[in-house]
Amino acid sequence: MHQLDLFGTDPPPPKPAPVATADGKDAPVLAATPGLASPKKRGRKSLKELADDPHVIRDLDKVNLDKQYYPISEVAAMFKVNASLVRYWENEFDILQPKKNRKGDRLFRQEDIHHLKLIYHLLRERKYTIEGAKQKLKEDKKLAARNFEMVQALLKVRGFLTELKDQL
């Protein structure tokens, strides 16, 4: 018998029929049923998911830093992270010293953005811990910065060569 739908909602999908396994027991088929795939994950992205977008630093190199000061919201958008994470990095790393106005808003200079690139590279791309990145920066900040610049230059060359290869 069919029920009358007064509210215009869709009827619930039919339950999948159980399938007999080799040992004679019934096992429900969930994976083969359309619409019952794994639900979309909510909440914060894991580092693995963030690592799927390795072009953050490369995209930052293309951004024209023409202003003298950048608010924290713009800086966070550049790195595709939350503003709270940028504030946390400011508290953890001594090399980050953004200016603050009378209201207390953080204003990042180009030098601060360069330091953030280095911190982002160590934490997200090289997978250092906070303590490990602090130690690396404390030991030899110039060497870490030079290594970062070399990696970026090599990535540019690699991109150019792959583009050249695609054209051939």
C-alpha atoms as a PDB file:
ATOM      1  CA  MET A   1       0.000   0.000   0.000  1.00  0.00           C
ATOM      2  CA  HIS A   2       1.316   3.455  -0.887  1.00  0.00           C
ATOM      3  CA  GLN A   3       1.194   6.328   1.600  1.00  0.00           C
ATOM      4  CA  LEU A   4       0.163   9.799   0.608  1.00  0.00           C
ATOM      5  CA  ASP A   5       3.027  12.296   0.954  1.00  0.00           C
ATOM      6  CA  LEU A   6       1.591  15.455   2.525  1.00  0.00           C
ATOM      7  CA  PHE A   7       4.836  17.333   3.048  1.00  0.00           C
ATOM      8  CA  GLY A   8       6.520  16.739  -0.299  1.00  0.00           C
ATOM      9  CA  THR A   9       9.519  14.892   1.109  1.00  0.00           C
ATOM     10  CA  ASP A  10      11.236  12.073  -0.689  1.00  0.00           C
ATOM     11  CA  PRO A  11      10.568   8.583   0.594  1.00  0.00           C
ATOM     12  CA  PRO A  12      13.510   6.944   2.384  1.00  0.00           C
ATOM     13  CA  PRO A  13      15.731   4.872   0.088  1.00  0.00           C
ATOM     14  CA  PRO A  14      15.111   1.127   0.177  1.00  0.00           C
ATOM     15  CA  LYS A  15      17.433  -0.870   2.387  1.00  0.00           C
ATOM     16  CA  PRO A  16      19.979  -2.993   0.507  1.00  0.00           C
ATOM     17  CA  ALA A  17      19.321  -6.693   0.391  1.00  0.00           C
ATOM     18  CA  PRO A  18      21.794  -8.784   2.390  1.00  0.00           C
ATOM     19  CA  VAL A  19      24.213 -10.909   0.406  1.00  0.00           C
ATOM     20  CA  ALA A  20      25.150 -14.396   1.509  1.00  0.00           C
ATOM     21  CA  THR A  21      28.854 -14.848   2.176  1.00  0.00           C
ATOM     22  CA  ALA A  22      30.902 -18.034   1.761  1.00  0.00           C
ATOM     23  CA  ASP A  23      30.201 -19.143   5.346  1.00  0.00           C
ATOM     24  CA  GLY A  24      26.450 -18.869   4.812  1.00  0.00           C
ATOM     25  CA  LYS A  25      25.912 -15.718   6.887  1.00  0.00           C
ATOM     26  CA  ASP A  26      24.222 -12.653   5.502  1.00  0.00           C
ATOM     27  CA  ALA A  27      26.313  -9.475   5.092  1.00  0.00           C
ATOM     28  CA  PRO A  28      24.714  -6.163   4.086  1.00  0.00           C
ATOM     29  CA  VAL A  29      25.967  -4.481   0.934  1.00  0.00           C
ATOM     30  CA  LEU A  30      26.710  -0.864   1.803  1.00  0.00           C
ATOM     31  CA  ALA A  31      29.560   0.052  -0.512  1.00  0.00           C
ATOM     32  CA  ALA A  32      27.701  -0.907  -3.680  1.00  0.00           C
ATOM     33  CA  THR A  33      24.645   1.114  -2.751  1.00  0.00           C
ATOM     34  CA  PRO A  34      24.672   4.554  -4.371  1.00  0.00           C
ATOM     35  CA  GLY A  35      24.404   7.427  -1.948  1.00  0.00           C
ATOM     36  CA  LEU A  36      25.825   5.456   0.970  1.00  0.00           C
ATOM     37  CA  ALA A  37      29.448   6.285   0.264  1.00  0.00           C
ATOM     38  CA  SER A  38      31.600   7.821   2.992  1.00  0.00           C
ATOM     39  CA  PRO A  39      30.133  11.120   4.183  1.00  0.00           C
ATOM     40  CA  LYS A  40      31.924  14.404   3.574  1.00  0.00           C
ATOM     41  CA  LYS A  41      34.410  15.080   6.325  1.00  0.00           C
ATOM     42  CA  ARG A  42      33.718  18.095   8.520  1.00  0.00           C
ATOM     43  CA  GLY A  43      36.029  20.160  10.653  1.00  0.00           C
ATOM     44  CA  ARG A  44      39.665  21.066  10.338  1.00  0.00           C
ATOM     45  CA  LYS A  45      41.703  19.625   7.489  1.00  0.00           C
ATOM     46  CA  SER A  46      44.505  17.275   8.390  1.00  0.00           C
ATOM     47  CA  LEU A  47      48.100  17.975   7.414  1.00  0.00           C
ATOM     48  CA  LYS A  48      47.791  15.225   4.822  1.00  0.00           C
ATOM     49  CA  GLU A  49      44.907  17.039   3.142  1.00  0.00           C
ATOM     50  CA  LEU A  50      46.761  20.335   3.319  1.00  0.00           C
ATOM     51  CA  ALA A  51      49.817  18.724   1.768  1.00  0.00           C
ATOM     52  CA  ASP A  52      47.683  17.980  -1.289  1.00  0.00           C
ATOM     53  CA  ASP A  53      48.053  21.671  -2.179  1.00  0.00           C
ATOM     54  CA  PRO A  54      51.841  22.111  -2.383  1.00  0.00           C
ATOM     55  CA  HIS A  55      51.546  25.277  -4.442  1.00  0.00           C
ATOM     56  CA  VAL A  56      50.922  27.731  -1.593  1.00  0.00           C
ATOM     57  CA  ILE A  57      54.490  29.041  -1.584  1.00  0.00           C
ATOM     58  CA  ARG A  58      54.620  29.058  -5.389  1.00  0.00           C
ATOM     59  CA  ASP A  59      51.368  31.038  -5.463  1.00  0.00           C
ATOM     60  CA  LEU A  60      52.806  33.472  -2.926  1.00  0.00           C
ATOM     61  CA  ASP A  61      55.771  34.151  -5.187  1.00  0.00           C
ATOM     62  CA  LYS A  62      53.347  35.270  -7.888  1.00  0.00           C
ATOM     63  CA  VAL A  63      51.554  37.687  -5.537  1.00  0.00           C
ATOM     64  CA  ASN A  64      52.734  41.247  -5.956  1.00  0.00           C
ATOM     65  CA  LEU A  65      53.597  42.594  -2.499  1.00  0.00           C
ATOM     66  CA  ASP A  66      53.058  46.257  -3.267  1.00  0.00           C
ATOM     67  CA  LYS A  67      51.692  47.456   0.064  1.00  0.00           C
ATOM     68  CA  GLN A  68      53.835  48.397   3.024  1.00  0.00           C
ATOM     69  CA  TYR A  69      51.615  46.699   5.633  1.00  0.00           C
ATOM     70  CA  TYR A  70      49.187  43.788   5.399  1.00  0.00           C
ATOM     71  CA  PRO A  71      46.481  42.950   7.959  1.00  0.00           C
ATOM     72  CA  ILE A  72      46.461  39.487   9.475  1.00  0.00           C
ATOM     73  CA  SER A  73      43.363  38.453   7.494  1.00  0.00           C
ATOM     74  CA  GLU A  74      45.140  39.054   4.171  1.00  0.00           C
ATOM     75  CA  VAL A  75      48.265  37.261   5.351  1.00  0.00           C
ATOM     76  CA  ALA A  76      46.217  34.273   6.526  1.00  0.00           C
ATOM     77  CA  ALA A  77      44.424  34.189   3.162  1.00  0.00           C
ATOM     78  CA  MET A  78      47.787  34.235   1.337  1.00  0.00           C
ATOM     79  CA  PHE A  79      48.915  31.127   3.220  1.00  0.00           C
ATOM     80  CA  LYS A  80      45.438  29.508   3.223  1.00  0.00           C
ATOM     81  CA  VAL A  81      45.479  29.152   7.021  1.00  0.00           C
ATOM     82  CA  ASN A  82      43.417  30.608   9.865  1.00  0.00           C
ATOM     83  CA  ALA A  83      44.352  33.942  11.408  1.00  0.00           C
ATOM     84  CA  SER A  84      44.592  32.168  14.763  1.00  0.00           C
ATOM     85  CA  LEU A  85      47.375  29.978  13.389  1.00  0.00           C
ATOM     86  CA  VAL A  86      49.318  33.059  12.251  1.00  0.00           C
ATOM     87  CA  ARG A  87      48.892  34.544  15.756  1.00  0.00           C
ATOM     88  CA  TYR A  88      50.082  31.266  17.264  1.00  0.00           C
ATOM     89  CA  TRP A  89      53.164  31.245  15.042  1.00  0.00           C
ATOM     90  CA  GLU A  90      53.833  34.845  16.099  1.00  0.00           C
ATOM     91  CA  ASN A  91      53.834  33.744  19.760  1.00  0.00           C
ATOM     92  CA  GLU A  92      56.027  30.707  19.093  1.00  0.00           C
ATOM     93  CA  PHE A  93      58.662  32.149  16.757  1.00  0.00           C
ATOM     94  CA  ASP A  94      60.785  35.121  17.781  1.00  0.00           C
ATOM     95  CA  ILE A  95      61.564  36.150  14.205  1.00  0.00           C
ATOM     96  CA  LEU A  96      57.940  37.161  13.625  1.00  0.00           C
ATOM     97  CA  GLN A  97      57.507  40.697  14.924  1.00  0.00           C
ATOM     98  CA  PRO A  98      54.518  42.339  13.205  1.00  0.00           C
ATOM     99  CA  LYS A  99      53.772  45.949  14.032  1.00  0.00           C
ATOM    100  CA  LYS A 100      50.653  46.668  16.074  1.00  0.00           C
ATOM    101  CA  ASN A 101      48.574  49.809  15.802  1.00  0.00           C
ATOM    102  CA  ARG A 102      46.882  51.567  18.728  1.00  0.00           C
ATOM    103  CA  LYS A 103      43.896  49.307  18.389  1.00  0.00           C
ATOM    104  CA  GLY A 104      46.152  46.242  18.653  1.00  0.00           C
ATOM    105  CA  ASP A 105      45.708  44.999  15.080  1.00  0.00           C
ATOM    106  CA  ARG A 106      48.719  43.176  13.685  1.00  0.00           C
ATOM    107  CA  LEU A 107      50.218  44.694  10.555  1.00  0.00           C
ATOM    108  CA  PHE A 108      52.688  42.486   8.707  1.00  0.00           C
ATOM    109  CA  ARG A 109      55.546  43.940   6.653  1.00  0.00           C
ATOM    110  CA  GLN A 110      57.094  42.241   3.632  1.00  0.00           C
ATOM    111  CA  GLU A 111      59.927  41.053   5.870  1.00  0.00           C
ATOM    112  CA  ASP A 112      57.395  39.378   8.184  1.00  0.00           C
ATOM    113  CA  ILE A 113      55.731  37.692   5.215  1.00  0.00           C
ATOM    114  CA  HIS A 114      59.138  36.379   4.136  1.00  0.00           C
ATOM    115  CA  HIS A 115      59.657  34.965   7.649  1.00  0.00           C
ATOM    116  CA  LEU A 116      56.185  33.395   7.506  1.00  0.00           C
ATOM    117  CA  LYS A 117      57.102  31.740   4.197  1.00  0.00           C
ATOM    118  CA  LEU A 118      60.136  30.228   5.868  1.00  0.00           C
ATOM    119  CA  ILE A 119      58.107  29.028   8.861  1.00  0.00           C
ATOM    120  CA  TYR A 120      55.391  27.626   6.581  1.00  0.00           C
ATOM    121  CA  HIS A 121      58.047  25.818   4.546  1.00  0.00           C
ATOM    122  CA  LEU A 122      59.584  24.222   7.625  1.00  0.00           C
ATOM    123  CA  LEU A 123      56.299  23.253   9.294  1.00  0.00           C
ATOM    124  CA  ARG A 124      54.033  22.286   6.424  1.00  0.00           C
ATOM    125  CA  GLU A 125      56.331  21.243   3.603  1.00  0.00           C
ATOM    126  CA  ARG A 126      59.332  19.817   5.454  1.00  0.00           C
ATOM    127  CA  LYS A 127      57.083  18.462   8.271  1.00  0.00           C
ATOM    128  CA  TYR A 128      59.154  19.862  11.140  1.00  0.00           C
ATOM    129  CA  THR A 129      57.601  20.077  14.586  1.00  0.00           C
ATOM    130  CA  ILE A 130      57.255  23.506  16.218  1.00  0.00           C
ATOM    131  CA  GLU A 131      60.229  22.776  18.476  1.00  0.00           C
ATOM    132  CA  GLY A 132      62.277  21.424  15.578  1.00  0.00           C
ATOM    133  CA  ALA A 133      61.559  24.491  13.442  1.00  0.00           C
ATOM    134  CA  LYS A 134      62.454  26.792  16.351  1.00  0.00           C
ATOM    135  CA  GLN A 135      65.734  24.979  16.829  1.00  0.00           C
ATOM    136  CA  LYS A 136      66.510  25.067  13.096  1.00  0.00           C
ATOM    137  CA  LEU A 137      65.864  28.807  12.946  1.00  0.00           C
ATOM    138  CA  LYS A 138      67.832  29.450  16.137  1.00  0.00           C
ATOM    139  CA  GLU A 139      70.861  27.427  15.021  1.00  0.00           C
ATOM    140  CA  ASP A 140      71.324  28.938  11.620  1.00  0.00           C
ATOM    141  CA  LYS A 141      68.621  31.249  10.359  1.00  0.00           C
ATOM    142  CA  LYS A 142      70.665  32.353   7.338  1.00  0.00           C
ATOM    143  CA  LEU A 143      71.361  28.779   6.268  1.00  0.00           C
ATOM    144  CA  ALA A 144      67.684  27.824   6.605  1.00  0.00           C
ATOM    145  CA  ALA A 145      66.668  30.893   4.592  1.00  0.00           C
ATOM    146  CA  ARG A 146      69.266  30.105   1.910  1.00  0.00           C
ATOM    147  CA  ASN A 147      68.090  26.484   1.685  1.00  0.00           C
ATOM    148  CA  PHE A 148      64.505  27.679   1.374  1.00  0.00           C
ATOM    149  CA  GLU A 149      65.459  30.063  -1.443  1.00  0.00           C
ATOM    150  CA  MET A 150      67.368  27.283  -3.231  1.00  0.00           C
ATOM    151  CA  VAL A 151      64.379  24.961  -3.004  1.00  0.00           C
ATOM    152  CA  GLN A 152      62.118  27.670  -4.404  1.00  0.00           C
ATOM    153  CA  ALA A 153      64.536  28.388  -7.274  1.00  0.00           C
ATOM    154  CA  LEU A 154      64.767  24.673  -8.093  1.00  0.00           C
ATOM    155  CA  LEU A 155      60.976  24.374  -8.067  1.00  0.00           C
ATOM    156  CA  LYS A 156      60.772  27.271 -10.542  1.00  0.00           C
ATOM    157  CA  VAL A 157      63.315  25.573 -12.807  1.00  0.00           C
ATOM    158  CA  ARG A 158      61.410  22.296 -12.527  1.00  0.00           C
ATOM    159  CA  GLY A 159      58.155  24.028 -13.454  1.00  0.00           C
ATOM    160  CA  PHE A 160      59.825  25.686 -16.429  1.00  0.00           C
ATOM    161  CA  LEU A 161      61.294  22.386 -17.625  1.00  0.00           C
ATOM    162  CA  THR A 162      58.000  20.510 -17.326  1.00  0.00           C
ATOM    163  CA  GLU A 163      56.288  23.323 -19.214  1.00  0.00           C
ATOM    164  CA  LEU A 164      58.975  23.114 -21.902  1.00  0.00           C
ATOM    165  CA  LYS A 165      58.586  19.328 -22.067  1.00  0.00           C
ATOM    166  CA  ASP A 166      54.821  19.668 -22.511  1.00  0.00           C
ATOM    167  CA  GLN A 167      55.340  22.039 -25.428  1.00  0.00           C
ATOM    168  CA  LEU A 168      57.551  19.543 -27.283  1.00  0.00           C
END
